């Protein structure tokens, strides 16, 4: 899913999740008020597989084992320039908001240094024919 607006699982056209790209950040904001009292911020977990961000929530009612299990799953493909080491999730229990943030890099990968040598003059290297 690469849309910036996610739909409520019931199919309603409410935007409970917003994805925003700024110059230096990638932000997902999920409003769980659409699902209260079903989900709370502590029920939400995120997983990252490469550049795929998975948002999962699971809720069971221990007092009523006959009630159906509630689950929410969303997946988003993050931009290639997201710094995967900076992904953070913030839970706001006051207004039932989950916020996922990551910094963006200004290029691909990290700079590396390459040593250049003359293979004709260095005896460690043999010519392959």
C-alpha atoms as a PDB file:
ATOM      1  CA  UNK A   1       0.000   0.000   0.000  1.00  0.00           C
ATOM      2  CA  UNK A   2       1.583   3.261  -1.012  1.00  0.00           C
ATOM      3  CA  UNK A   3      -1.280   5.641  -0.467  1.00  0.00           C
ATOM      4  CA  UNK A   4      -0.944   8.469   2.005  1.00  0.00           C
ATOM      5  CA  UNK A   5      -4.490   7.848   3.285  1.00  0.00           C
ATOM      6  CA  UNK A   6      -5.529   4.562   4.840  1.00  0.00           C
ATOM      7  CA  UNK A   7      -9.132   3.525   5.166  1.00  0.00           C
ATOM      8  CA  UNK A   8     -10.918   2.272   8.239  1.00  0.00           C
ATOM      9  CA  UNK A   9     -11.210  -1.540   8.045  1.00  0.00           C
ATOM     10  CA  UNK A  10     -15.007  -1.303   7.851  1.00  0.00           C
ATOM     11  CA  UNK A  11     -14.568   0.428   4.496  1.00  0.00           C
ATOM     12  CA  UNK A  12     -15.605   3.868   5.676  1.00  0.00           C
ATOM     13  CA  UNK A  13     -13.710   6.688   4.025  1.00  0.00           C
ATOM     14  CA  UNK A  14     -12.305   8.068   7.275  1.00  0.00           C
ATOM     15  CA  UNK A  15      -8.574   8.730   7.342  1.00  0.00           C
ATOM     16  CA  UNK A  16      -7.478   7.261  10.630  1.00  0.00           C
ATOM     17  CA  UNK A  17      -3.832   7.191   9.518  1.00  0.00           C
ATOM     18  CA  UNK A  18      -1.910  10.011   7.883  1.00  0.00           C
ATOM     19  CA  UNK A  19       1.465   9.588   6.192  1.00  0.00           C
ATOM     20  CA  UNK A  20       3.570  12.697   5.766  1.00  0.00           C
ATOM     21  CA  UNK A  21       6.901  13.289   4.039  1.00  0.00           C
ATOM     22  CA  UNK A  22       8.844  16.431   4.904  1.00  0.00           C
ATOM     23  CA  UNK A  23      12.310  17.512   3.786  1.00  0.00           C
ATOM     24  CA  UNK A  24      13.981  15.644   6.613  1.00  0.00           C
ATOM     25  CA  UNK A  25      11.412  13.230   8.084  1.00  0.00           C
ATOM     26  CA  UNK A  26       8.893  10.494   7.391  1.00  0.00           C
ATOM     27  CA  UNK A  27       5.904  10.510   9.783  1.00  0.00           C
ATOM     28  CA  UNK A  28       2.889   8.220  10.223  1.00  0.00           C
ATOM     29  CA  UNK A  29       0.163   9.399  12.612  1.00  0.00           C
ATOM     30  CA  UNK A  30      -2.516   6.876  13.596  1.00  0.00           C
ATOM     31  CA  UNK A  31      -5.637   8.100  15.381  1.00  0.00           C
ATOM     32  CA  UNK A  32      -7.012   5.214  17.450  1.00  0.00           C
ATOM     33  CA  UNK A  33     -10.039   7.274  18.537  1.00  0.00           C
ATOM     34  CA  UNK A  34     -11.815   5.691  15.550  1.00  0.00           C
ATOM     35  CA  UNK A  35     -11.553   2.375  17.377  1.00  0.00           C
ATOM     36  CA  UNK A  36     -12.004   3.247  21.067  1.00  0.00           C
ATOM     37  CA  UNK A  37     -12.624   1.500  23.339  1.00  0.00           C
ATOM     38  CA  UNK A  38     -11.251  -1.343  21.209  1.00  0.00           C
ATOM     39  CA  UNK A  39      -7.620  -0.255  20.822  1.00  0.00           C
ATOM     40  CA  UNK A  40      -5.315   1.750  23.031  1.00  0.00           C
ATOM     41  CA  UNK A  41      -1.810   2.947  22.137  1.00  0.00           C
ATOM     42  CA  UNK A  42      -0.257   0.097  24.148  1.00  0.00           C
ATOM     43  CA  UNK A  43      -2.003  -2.413  21.858  1.00  0.00           C
ATOM     44  CA  UNK A  44      -0.101  -1.178  18.785  1.00  0.00           C
ATOM     45  CA  UNK A  45       3.216  -2.665  17.679  1.00  0.00           C
ATOM     46  CA  UNK A  46       5.337  -1.870  14.651  1.00  0.00           C
ATOM     47  CA  UNK A  47       7.717  -4.080  12.714  1.00  0.00           C
ATOM     48  CA  UNK A  48      10.133  -3.102   9.974  1.00  0.00           C
ATOM     49  CA  UNK A  49      11.132  -5.499   7.198  1.00  0.00           C
ATOM     50  CA  UNK A  50      13.536  -3.714   4.881  1.00  0.00           C
ATOM     51  CA  UNK A  51      11.602  -0.613   3.871  1.00  0.00           C
ATOM     52  CA  UNK A  52       8.199  -2.101   4.700  1.00  0.00           C
ATOM     53  CA  UNK A  53       6.600  -0.713   7.846  1.00  0.00           C
ATOM     54  CA  UNK A  54       3.965  -2.969   9.399  1.00  0.00           C
ATOM     55  CA  UNK A  55       1.523  -1.641  11.987  1.00  0.00           C
ATOM     56  CA  UNK A  56      -0.333  -4.276  14.016  1.00  0.00           C
ATOM     57  CA  UNK A  57      -2.861  -4.064  16.839  1.00  0.00           C
ATOM     58  CA  UNK A  58      -4.477  -6.958  18.639  1.00  0.00           C
ATOM     59  CA  UNK A  59      -7.148  -6.908  21.324  1.00  0.00           C
ATOM     60  CA  UNK A  60      -8.898  -9.649  23.261  1.00  0.00           C
ATOM     61  CA  UNK A  61     -11.404  -9.250  26.061  1.00  0.00           C
ATOM     62  CA  UNK A  62     -10.204 -11.505  28.910  1.00  0.00           C
ATOM     63  CA  UNK A  63     -13.564 -11.066  30.670  1.00  0.00           C
ATOM     64  CA  UNK A  64     -15.522 -12.309  27.664  1.00  0.00           C
ATOM     65  CA  UNK A  65     -13.742 -15.193  25.900  1.00  0.00           C
ATOM     66  CA  UNK A  66     -16.685 -15.624  23.504  1.00  0.00           C
ATOM     67  CA  UNK A  67     -16.238 -12.146  22.050  1.00  0.00           C
ATOM     68  CA  UNK A  68     -14.425 -11.974  18.731  1.00  0.00           C
ATOM     69  CA  UNK A  69     -10.758 -11.122  18.643  1.00  0.00           C
ATOM     70  CA  UNK A  70     -10.062  -7.694  17.135  1.00  0.00           C
ATOM     71  CA  UNK A  71      -7.041  -7.194  14.910  1.00  0.00           C
ATOM     72  CA  UNK A  72      -5.770  -4.313  12.812  1.00  0.00           C
ATOM     73  CA  UNK A  73      -2.973  -4.689  10.245  1.00  0.00           C
ATOM     74  CA  UNK A  74      -1.562  -2.053   7.923  1.00  0.00           C
ATOM     75  CA  UNK A  75       1.567  -2.016   5.795  1.00  0.00           C
ATOM     76  CA  UNK A  76       3.343   0.915   4.210  1.00  0.00           C
ATOM     77  CA  UNK A  77       6.355   1.027   1.893  1.00  0.00           C
ATOM     78  CA  UNK A  78       8.720   3.698   3.207  1.00  0.00           C
ATOM     79  CA  UNK A  79      10.825   5.841   0.859  1.00  0.00           C
ATOM     80  CA  UNK A  80      14.268   4.511  -0.073  1.00  0.00           C
ATOM     81  CA  UNK A  81      15.983   7.372   1.734  1.00  0.00           C
ATOM     82  CA  UNK A  82      14.549   6.579   5.204  1.00  0.00           C
ATOM     83  CA  UNK A  83      17.286   6.067   7.794  1.00  0.00           C
ATOM     84  CA  UNK A  84      16.086   2.741   9.229  1.00  0.00           C
ATOM     85  CA  UNK A  85      18.120   3.194  12.412  1.00  0.00           C
ATOM     86  CA  UNK A  86      16.099   6.284  13.392  1.00  0.00           C
ATOM     87  CA  UNK A  87      12.588   4.784  13.325  1.00  0.00           C
ATOM     88  CA  UNK A  88      10.765   5.564  16.579  1.00  0.00           C
ATOM     89  CA  UNK A  89       7.222   5.009  17.798  1.00  0.00           C
ATOM     90  CA  UNK A  90       5.580   7.396  20.261  1.00  0.00           C
ATOM     91  CA  UNK A  91       2.393   6.483  22.090  1.00  0.00           C
ATOM     92  CA  UNK A  92       0.140   9.258  23.382  1.00  0.00           C
ATOM     93  CA  UNK A  93      -2.244   7.668  25.851  1.00  0.00           C
ATOM     94  CA  UNK A  94      -4.148  10.910  26.469  1.00  0.00           C
ATOM     95  CA  UNK A  95      -5.618  11.276  22.986  1.00  0.00           C
ATOM     96  CA  UNK A  96      -5.050   7.717  21.627  1.00  0.00           C
ATOM     97  CA  UNK A  97      -2.503   8.739  19.005  1.00  0.00           C
ATOM     98  CA  UNK A  98       0.377   6.568  17.807  1.00  0.00           C
ATOM     99  CA  UNK A  99       3.110   8.411  15.913  1.00  0.00           C
ATOM    100  CA  UNK A 100       5.895   6.721  13.940  1.00  0.00           C
ATOM    101  CA  UNK A 101       8.820   8.887  12.842  1.00  0.00           C
ATOM    102  CA  UNK A 102      12.063   8.371  10.949  1.00  0.00           C
ATOM    103  CA  UNK A 103      14.715  10.709   9.625  1.00  0.00           C
ATOM    104  CA  UNK A 104      15.450  10.914   5.920  1.00  0.00           C
ATOM    105  CA  UNK A 105      18.968  10.748   4.532  1.00  0.00           C
ATOM    106  CA  UNK A 106      20.169  12.968   1.735  1.00  0.00           C
ATOM    107  CA  UNK A 107      21.444  10.067  -0.385  1.00  0.00           C
ATOM    108  CA  UNK A 108      21.673   6.334  -0.729  1.00  0.00           C
ATOM    109  CA  UNK A 109      23.884   4.374   1.638  1.00  0.00           C
ATOM    110  CA  UNK A 110      26.924   5.603   3.478  1.00  0.00           C
ATOM    111  CA  UNK A 111      30.144   6.946   1.936  1.00  0.00           C
ATOM    112  CA  UNK A 112      33.002   4.470   1.656  1.00  0.00           C
ATOM    113  CA  UNK A 113      36.683   4.906   0.813  1.00  0.00           C
ATOM    114  CA  UNK A 114      38.242   2.828  -1.951  1.00  0.00           C
ATOM    115  CA  UNK A 115      41.985   2.313  -2.261  1.00  0.00           C
ATOM    116  CA  UNK A 116      43.302   2.427  -5.804  1.00  0.00           C
ATOM    117  CA  UNK A 117      46.357   0.412  -6.759  1.00  0.00           C
ATOM    118  CA  UNK A 118      48.188  -0.364  -9.984  1.00  0.00           C
ATOM    119  CA  UNK A 119      47.625  -4.081 -10.562  1.00  0.00           C
ATOM    120  CA  UNK A 120      50.479  -4.221 -13.077  1.00  0.00           C
ATOM    121  CA  UNK A 121      53.042  -3.058 -10.506  1.00  0.00           C
ATOM    122  CA  UNK A 122      51.697  -4.768  -7.389  1.00  0.00           C
ATOM    123  CA  UNK A 123      52.853  -8.426  -7.125  1.00  0.00           C
ATOM    124  CA  UNK A 124      49.818  -9.353  -4.958  1.00  0.00           C
ATOM    125  CA  UNK A 125      47.561  -9.171  -8.006  1.00  0.00           C
ATOM    126  CA  UNK A 126      47.770 -11.570 -10.943  1.00  0.00           C
ATOM    127  CA  UNK A 127      46.315 -10.923 -14.332  1.00  0.00           C
ATOM    128  CA  UNK A 128      43.423 -13.202 -15.198  1.00  0.00           C
ATOM    129  CA  UNK A 129      43.135 -14.210 -18.831  1.00  0.00           C
END
